[in-house]
């Protein structure tokens, strides 16, 4: 899976932008999880696509959290 953010892009982001992006990826993954739970049969190709998208957002969340930890930014 291709990372959502390049490490150099994350390193160049303002702390406020990092926090906003973290909020965005968290909300997006939770919204997709809700759709997966409520509206899609769990064993169909659309469900697999949603899982892949959720995984991408979760990985982006990890990337941003790692960059924030590297800079010692507290939320």
C-alpha atoms as a PDB file:
ATOM      1  CA  UNK A   1       0.000   0.000   0.000  1.00  0.00           C
ATOM      2  CA  UNK A   2       1.314   3.428  -0.938  1.00  0.00           C
ATOM      3  CA  UNK A   3       1.606   5.793   2.043  1.00  0.00           C
ATOM      4  CA  UNK A   4      -0.838   8.685   2.016  1.00  0.00           C
ATOM      5  CA  UNK A   5       1.916  11.150   2.976  1.00  0.00           C
ATOM      6  CA  UNK A   6       5.565  11.361   2.004  1.00  0.00           C
ATOM      7  CA  UNK A   7       7.857  11.659   5.050  1.00  0.00           C
ATOM      8  CA  UNK A   8       9.404  14.848   3.644  1.00  0.00           C
ATOM      9  CA  UNK A   9       5.933  16.394   3.258  1.00  0.00           C
ATOM     10  CA  UNK A  10       5.071  15.554   6.853  1.00  0.00           C
ATOM     11  CA  UNK A  11       8.363  16.986   8.079  1.00  0.00           C
ATOM     12  CA  UNK A  12       7.622  20.259   6.293  1.00  0.00           C
ATOM     13  CA  UNK A  13       4.082  20.665   7.654  1.00  0.00           C
ATOM     14  CA  UNK A  14       3.218  23.256  10.242  1.00  0.00           C
ATOM     15  CA  UNK A  15       2.177  21.677  13.592  1.00  0.00           C
ATOM     16  CA  UNK A  16      -1.356  23.040  13.226  1.00  0.00           C
ATOM     17  CA  UNK A  17      -1.659  21.472   9.770  1.00  0.00           C
ATOM     18  CA  UNK A  18      -0.407  18.159  11.175  1.00  0.00           C
ATOM     19  CA  UNK A  19      -3.105  18.223  13.850  1.00  0.00           C
ATOM     20  CA  UNK A  20      -5.800  19.125  11.306  1.00  0.00           C
ATOM     21  CA  UNK A  21      -4.674  16.291   9.025  1.00  0.00           C
ATOM     22  CA  UNK A  22      -4.691  13.899  11.974  1.00  0.00           C
ATOM     23  CA  UNK A  23      -8.275  14.899  12.754  1.00  0.00           C
ATOM     24  CA  UNK A  24      -9.211  14.425   9.095  1.00  0.00           C
ATOM     25  CA  UNK A  25      -7.771  10.911   8.765  1.00  0.00           C
ATOM     26  CA  UNK A  26      -9.327   9.831  12.073  1.00  0.00           C
ATOM     27  CA  UNK A  27     -12.762  11.082  11.060  1.00  0.00           C
ATOM     28  CA  UNK A  28     -12.495   9.536   7.594  1.00  0.00           C
ATOM     29  CA  UNK A  29     -11.490   6.107   8.889  1.00  0.00           C
ATOM     30  CA  UNK A  30     -14.273   6.133  11.477  1.00  0.00           C
ATOM     31  CA  UNK A  31     -16.860   7.205   8.911  1.00  0.00           C
ATOM     32  CA  UNK A  32     -15.760   4.424   6.554  1.00  0.00           C
ATOM     33  CA  UNK A  33     -15.849   1.920   9.424  1.00  0.00           C
ATOM     34  CA  UNK A  34     -19.414   2.951  10.160  1.00  0.00           C
ATOM     35  CA  UNK A  35     -20.369   2.477   6.504  1.00  0.00           C
ATOM     36  CA  UNK A  36     -18.710  -0.938   6.519  1.00  0.00           C
ATOM     37  CA  UNK A  37     -20.583  -1.993   9.647  1.00  0.00           C
ATOM     38  CA  UNK A  38     -23.993  -0.634   8.701  1.00  0.00           C
ATOM     39  CA  UNK A  39     -24.396  -0.604   4.957  1.00  0.00           C
ATOM     40  CA  UNK A  40     -22.144  -3.154   3.245  1.00  0.00           C
ATOM     41  CA  UNK A  41     -22.298  -6.914   3.350  1.00  0.00           C
ATOM     42  CA  UNK A  42     -19.026  -7.967   4.993  1.00  0.00           C
ATOM     43  CA  UNK A  43     -17.960 -10.516   2.376  1.00  0.00           C
ATOM     44  CA  UNK A  44     -18.313  -8.583  -0.858  1.00  0.00           C
ATOM     45  CA  UNK A  45     -15.790  -6.732  -3.033  1.00  0.00           C
ATOM     46  CA  UNK A  46     -17.128  -3.319  -1.882  1.00  0.00           C
ATOM     47  CA  UNK A  47     -16.421  -4.354   1.711  1.00  0.00           C
ATOM     48  CA  UNK A  48     -12.872  -5.308   0.769  1.00  0.00           C
ATOM     49  CA  UNK A  49     -12.425  -1.940  -0.947  1.00  0.00           C
ATOM     50  CA  UNK A  50     -13.671  -0.143   2.167  1.00  0.00           C
ATOM     51  CA  UNK A  51     -11.270  -2.151   4.336  1.00  0.00           C
ATOM     52  CA  UNK A  52      -8.382  -1.133   2.069  1.00  0.00           C
ATOM     53  CA  UNK A  53      -9.387   2.523   2.302  1.00  0.00           C
ATOM     54  CA  UNK A  54      -9.706   2.273   6.085  1.00  0.00           C
ATOM     55  CA  UNK A  55      -6.252   0.677   6.257  1.00  0.00           C
ATOM     56  CA  UNK A  56      -4.852   3.587   4.238  1.00  0.00           C
ATOM     57  CA  UNK A  57      -6.311   6.130   6.653  1.00  0.00           C
ATOM     58  CA  UNK A  58      -5.099   4.175   9.675  1.00  0.00           C
ATOM     59  CA  UNK A  59      -1.593   4.091   8.199  1.00  0.00           C
ATOM     60  CA  UNK A  60      -1.766   7.844   7.537  1.00  0.00           C
ATOM     61  CA  UNK A  61      -2.798   8.333  11.162  1.00  0.00           C
ATOM     62  CA  UNK A  62       0.264   6.362  12.266  1.00  0.00           C
ATOM     63  CA  UNK A  63       2.507   8.427  10.001  1.00  0.00           C
ATOM     64  CA  UNK A  64       1.216  11.719  11.384  1.00  0.00           C
ATOM     65  CA  UNK A  65       1.406  10.515  14.985  1.00  0.00           C
ATOM     66  CA  UNK A  66       5.011   9.397  14.426  1.00  0.00           C
ATOM     67  CA  UNK A  67       5.939  12.801  12.996  1.00  0.00           C
ATOM     68  CA  UNK A  68       4.255  14.561  15.903  1.00  0.00           C
ATOM     69  CA  UNK A  69       6.115  12.347  18.349  1.00  0.00           C
ATOM     70  CA  UNK A  70       9.370  13.063  16.529  1.00  0.00           C
ATOM     71  CA  UNK A  71       8.739  16.788  16.969  1.00  0.00           C
ATOM     72  CA  UNK A  72       7.391  16.254  20.480  1.00  0.00           C
ATOM     73  CA  UNK A  73       4.078  17.908  19.637  1.00  0.00           C
ATOM     74  CA  UNK A  74       1.372  17.148  22.163  1.00  0.00           C
ATOM     75  CA  UNK A  75      -2.315  17.190  21.296  1.00  0.00           C
END
